[in-house]
Amino acid sequence: MTAEQSRAHEDLPFVWWVADQVMQHDRRAWWMRHWLLGTVCIQTPEVFERHEPVLFISHDADDGVWQLIGASDASGSNGKVGHLHHAADEDPSLIDVLDLRRGRSAVRAGVGETWTGHV
């Protein structure tokens, strides 16, 4: 089957419905989505080097870039580029916020604490 035939197949809406259901019921599916897309994120050096946990995460409204910030002050010039799925590999609690919509952010007081501000 060609790609064109696949996109025109009568079962395609059902396949997408199943995918949507999985995304709603299994938070790990968001990790897989970011792995497949190779989603890039900007991290403070302390978070990137795993000296600090992620305490603030945002998904920028204008350019869609994800930002991961720890306890240290985040200055615009020293961010490190990484992949979002790698950060979630290091901190599985990030799975709870990998569905952030553009323009949204979440914060937590520390490791093991609940993410707030996430919608």
C-alpha atoms as a PDB file:
ATOM      1  CA  MET A   1       0.000   0.000   0.000  1.00  0.00           C
ATOM      2  CA  THR A   2       1.370   3.421  -0.896  1.00  0.00           C
ATOM      3  CA  ALA A   3       1.432   6.383   1.485  1.00  0.00           C
ATOM      4  CA  GLU A   4      -1.275   8.052  -0.603  1.00  0.00           C
ATOM      5  CA  GLN A   5      -3.494   4.960  -0.381  1.00  0.00           C
ATOM      6  CA  SER A   6      -2.901   4.762   3.379  1.00  0.00           C
ATOM      7  CA  ARG A   7      -3.963   8.384   3.891  1.00  0.00           C
ATOM      8  CA  ALA A   8      -7.118   7.778   1.849  1.00  0.00           C
ATOM      9  CA  HIS A   9      -8.036   4.484   3.563  1.00  0.00           C
ATOM     10  CA  GLU A  10     -11.541   4.328   5.082  1.00  0.00           C
ATOM     11  CA  ASP A  11     -10.168   3.043   8.415  1.00  0.00           C
ATOM     12  CA  LEU A  12      -7.826   5.985   8.980  1.00  0.00           C
ATOM     13  CA  PRO A  13     -10.308   7.958  11.160  1.00  0.00           C
ATOM     14  CA  PHE A  14     -10.672   4.888  13.387  1.00  0.00           C
ATOM     15  CA  VAL A  15      -6.899   4.511  13.681  1.00  0.00           C
ATOM     16  CA  TRP A  16      -6.593   8.160  14.781  1.00  0.00           C
ATOM     17  CA  TRP A  17      -9.472   7.698  17.251  1.00  0.00           C
ATOM     18  CA  VAL A  18      -7.621   4.755  18.830  1.00  0.00           C
ATOM     19  CA  ALA A  19      -4.428   6.819  19.030  1.00  0.00           C
ATOM     20  CA  ASP A  20      -6.330   9.652  20.730  1.00  0.00           C
ATOM     21  CA  GLN A  21      -7.794   7.204  23.263  1.00  0.00           C
ATOM     22  CA  VAL A  22      -4.368   5.810  24.098  1.00  0.00           C
ATOM     23  CA  MET A  23      -3.012   9.346  24.595  1.00  0.00           C
ATOM     24  CA  GLN A  24      -5.821  10.081  27.068  1.00  0.00           C
ATOM     25  CA  HIS A  25      -5.486   6.875  29.066  1.00  0.00           C
ATOM     26  CA  ASP A  26      -1.766   6.167  29.126  1.00  0.00           C
ATOM     27  CA  ARG A  27       0.463   9.088  30.119  1.00  0.00           C
ATOM     28  CA  ARG A  28       3.513   7.219  28.754  1.00  0.00           C
ATOM     29  CA  ALA A  29       2.154   7.790  25.250  1.00  0.00           C
ATOM     30  CA  TRP A  30       3.137  11.462  25.589  1.00  0.00           C
ATOM     31  CA  TRP A  31       6.763  10.377  26.122  1.00  0.00           C
ATOM     32  CA  MET A  32       6.542   8.298  22.932  1.00  0.00           C
ATOM     33  CA  ARG A  33       5.102  11.246  21.013  1.00  0.00           C
ATOM     34  CA  HIS A  34       7.991  13.499  22.060  1.00  0.00           C
ATOM     35  CA  TRP A  35      10.486  10.736  21.296  1.00  0.00           C
ATOM     36  CA  LEU A  36       9.052  10.302  17.788  1.00  0.00           C
ATOM     37  CA  LEU A  37       9.003  14.048  17.135  1.00  0.00           C
ATOM     38  CA  GLY A  38      12.431  14.628  18.661  1.00  0.00           C
ATOM     39  CA  THR A  39      10.980  17.510  20.683  1.00  0.00           C
ATOM     40  CA  VAL A  40      13.714  19.947  21.638  1.00  0.00           C
ATOM     41  CA  CYS A  41      13.835  21.745  24.966  1.00  0.00           C
ATOM     42  CA  ILE A  42      16.001  24.437  26.506  1.00  0.00           C
ATOM     43  CA  GLN A  43      17.309  23.608  29.972  1.00  0.00           C
ATOM     44  CA  THR A  44      19.275  25.525  32.543  1.00  0.00           C
ATOM     45  CA  PRO A  45      22.826  24.167  32.790  1.00  0.00           C
ATOM     46  CA  GLU A  46      22.068  22.823  36.287  1.00  0.00           C
ATOM     47  CA  VAL A  47      19.075  20.845  35.026  1.00  0.00           C
ATOM     48  CA  PHE A  48      20.897  19.685  31.896  1.00  0.00           C
ATOM     49  CA  GLU A  49      23.813  18.389  33.961  1.00  0.00           C
ATOM     50  CA  ARG A  50      21.409  16.847  36.519  1.00  0.00           C
ATOM     51  CA  HIS A  51      22.630  18.975  39.418  1.00  0.00           C
ATOM     52  CA  GLU A  52      19.082  20.277  39.959  1.00  0.00           C
ATOM     53  CA  PRO A  53      15.634  18.803  39.382  1.00  0.00           C
ATOM     54  CA  VAL A  54      13.115  20.421  37.053  1.00  0.00           C
ATOM     55  CA  LEU A  55      10.859  22.668  39.162  1.00  0.00           C
ATOM     56  CA  PHE A  56       9.338  24.729  36.354  1.00  0.00           C
ATOM     57  CA  ILE A  57       8.396  23.593  32.857  1.00  0.00           C
ATOM     58  CA  SER A  58       6.828  25.694  30.136  1.00  0.00           C
ATOM     59  CA  HIS A  59       5.701  25.264  26.550  1.00  0.00           C
ATOM     60  CA  ASP A  60       6.115  28.639  24.844  1.00  0.00           C
ATOM     61  CA  ALA A  61       3.098  30.037  23.047  1.00  0.00           C
ATOM     62  CA  ASP A  62       4.977  31.788  20.254  1.00  0.00           C
ATOM     63  CA  ASP A  63       7.566  29.259  19.092  1.00  0.00           C
ATOM     64  CA  GLY A  64       6.495  26.050  20.859  1.00  0.00           C
ATOM     65  CA  VAL A  65       9.869  25.621  22.579  1.00  0.00           C
ATOM     66  CA  TRP A  66       9.849  23.785  25.890  1.00  0.00           C
ATOM     67  CA  GLN A  67      11.835  25.180  28.833  1.00  0.00           C
ATOM     68  CA  LEU A  68      12.999  23.212  31.877  1.00  0.00           C
ATOM     69  CA  ILE A  69      14.214  25.227  34.842  1.00  0.00           C
ATOM     70  CA  GLY A  70      15.473  24.214  38.286  1.00  0.00           C
ATOM     71  CA  ALA A  71      16.076  26.273  41.419  1.00  0.00           C
ATOM     72  CA  SER A  72      18.853  28.425  39.915  1.00  0.00           C
ATOM     73  CA  ASP A  73      18.115  31.641  38.097  1.00  0.00           C
ATOM     74  CA  ALA A  74      17.604  31.102  34.371  1.00  0.00           C
ATOM     75  CA  SER A  75      19.435  33.664  32.288  1.00  0.00           C
ATOM     76  CA  GLY A  76      18.630  33.717  28.588  1.00  0.00           C
ATOM     77  CA  SER A  77      22.169  33.231  27.347  1.00  0.00           C
ATOM     78  CA  ASN A  78      23.314  30.011  29.024  1.00  0.00           C
ATOM     79  CA  GLY A  79      20.552  27.520  28.218  1.00  0.00           C
ATOM     80  CA  LYS A  80      21.446  24.054  27.000  1.00  0.00           C
ATOM     81  CA  VAL A  81      19.558  22.335  24.182  1.00  0.00           C
ATOM     82  CA  GLY A  82      18.367  18.781  24.746  1.00  0.00           C
ATOM     83  CA  HIS A  83      15.509  16.447  23.895  1.00  0.00           C
ATOM     84  CA  LEU A  84      12.399  16.464  26.064  1.00  0.00           C
ATOM     85  CA  HIS A  85      12.159  12.672  26.122  1.00  0.00           C
ATOM     86  CA  HIS A  86      15.683  12.417  27.588  1.00  0.00           C
ATOM     87  CA  ALA A  87      14.677  14.745  30.422  1.00  0.00           C
ATOM     88  CA  ALA A  88      11.643  12.523  31.091  1.00  0.00           C
ATOM     89  CA  ASP A  89      13.911   9.469  31.082  1.00  0.00           C
ATOM     90  CA  GLU A  90      15.922  11.096  33.881  1.00  0.00           C
ATOM     91  CA  ASP A  91      12.840  12.353  35.755  1.00  0.00           C
ATOM     92  CA  PRO A  92       9.776  10.162  35.056  1.00  0.00           C
ATOM     93  CA  SER A  93       7.518  12.620  36.942  1.00  0.00           C
ATOM     94  CA  LEU A  94       7.799  14.894  33.883  1.00  0.00           C
ATOM     95  CA  ILE A  95       5.435  12.470  32.134  1.00  0.00           C
ATOM     96  CA  ASP A  96       2.652  14.172  34.114  1.00  0.00           C
ATOM     97  CA  VAL A  97       3.216  17.447  32.259  1.00  0.00           C
ATOM     98  CA  LEU A  98       4.297  16.356  28.768  1.00  0.00           C
ATOM     99  CA  ASP A  99       0.846  17.252  27.444  1.00  0.00           C
ATOM    100  CA  LEU A 100       1.197  20.964  28.242  1.00  0.00           C
ATOM    101  CA  ARG A 101      -0.411  23.077  25.570  1.00  0.00           C
ATOM    102  CA  ARG A 102       1.391  26.019  24.048  1.00  0.00           C
ATOM    103  CA  GLY A 103       1.388  28.989  26.375  1.00  0.00           C
ATOM    104  CA  ARG A 104       1.036  26.850  29.512  1.00  0.00           C
ATOM    105  CA  SER A 105       3.451  26.046  32.310  1.00  0.00           C
ATOM    106  CA  ALA A 106       3.639  23.982  35.464  1.00  0.00           C
ATOM    107  CA  VAL A 107       5.567  24.331  38.692  1.00  0.00           C
ATOM    108  CA  ARG A 108       6.308  22.179  41.724  1.00  0.00           C
ATOM    109  CA  ALA A 109       7.992  22.804  45.067  1.00  0.00           C
ATOM    110  CA  GLY A 110      10.371  19.859  44.804  1.00  0.00           C
ATOM    111  CA  VAL A 111      10.924  16.323  43.611  1.00  0.00           C
ATOM    112  CA  GLY A 112       7.909  14.161  44.403  1.00  0.00           C
ATOM    113  CA  GLU A 113       5.631  17.186  44.795  1.00  0.00           C
ATOM    114  CA  THR A 114       2.534  17.690  42.659  1.00  0.00           C
ATOM    115  CA  TRP A 115       2.766  19.784  39.501  1.00  0.00           C
ATOM    116  CA  THR A 116       0.447  22.832  39.602  1.00  0.00           C
ATOM    117  CA  GLY A 117      -0.642  25.303  36.950  1.00  0.00           C
ATOM    118  CA  HIS A 118      -0.954  22.493  34.426  1.00  0.00           C
ATOM    119  CA  VAL A 119      -4.075  22.562  32.277  1.00  0.00           C
END
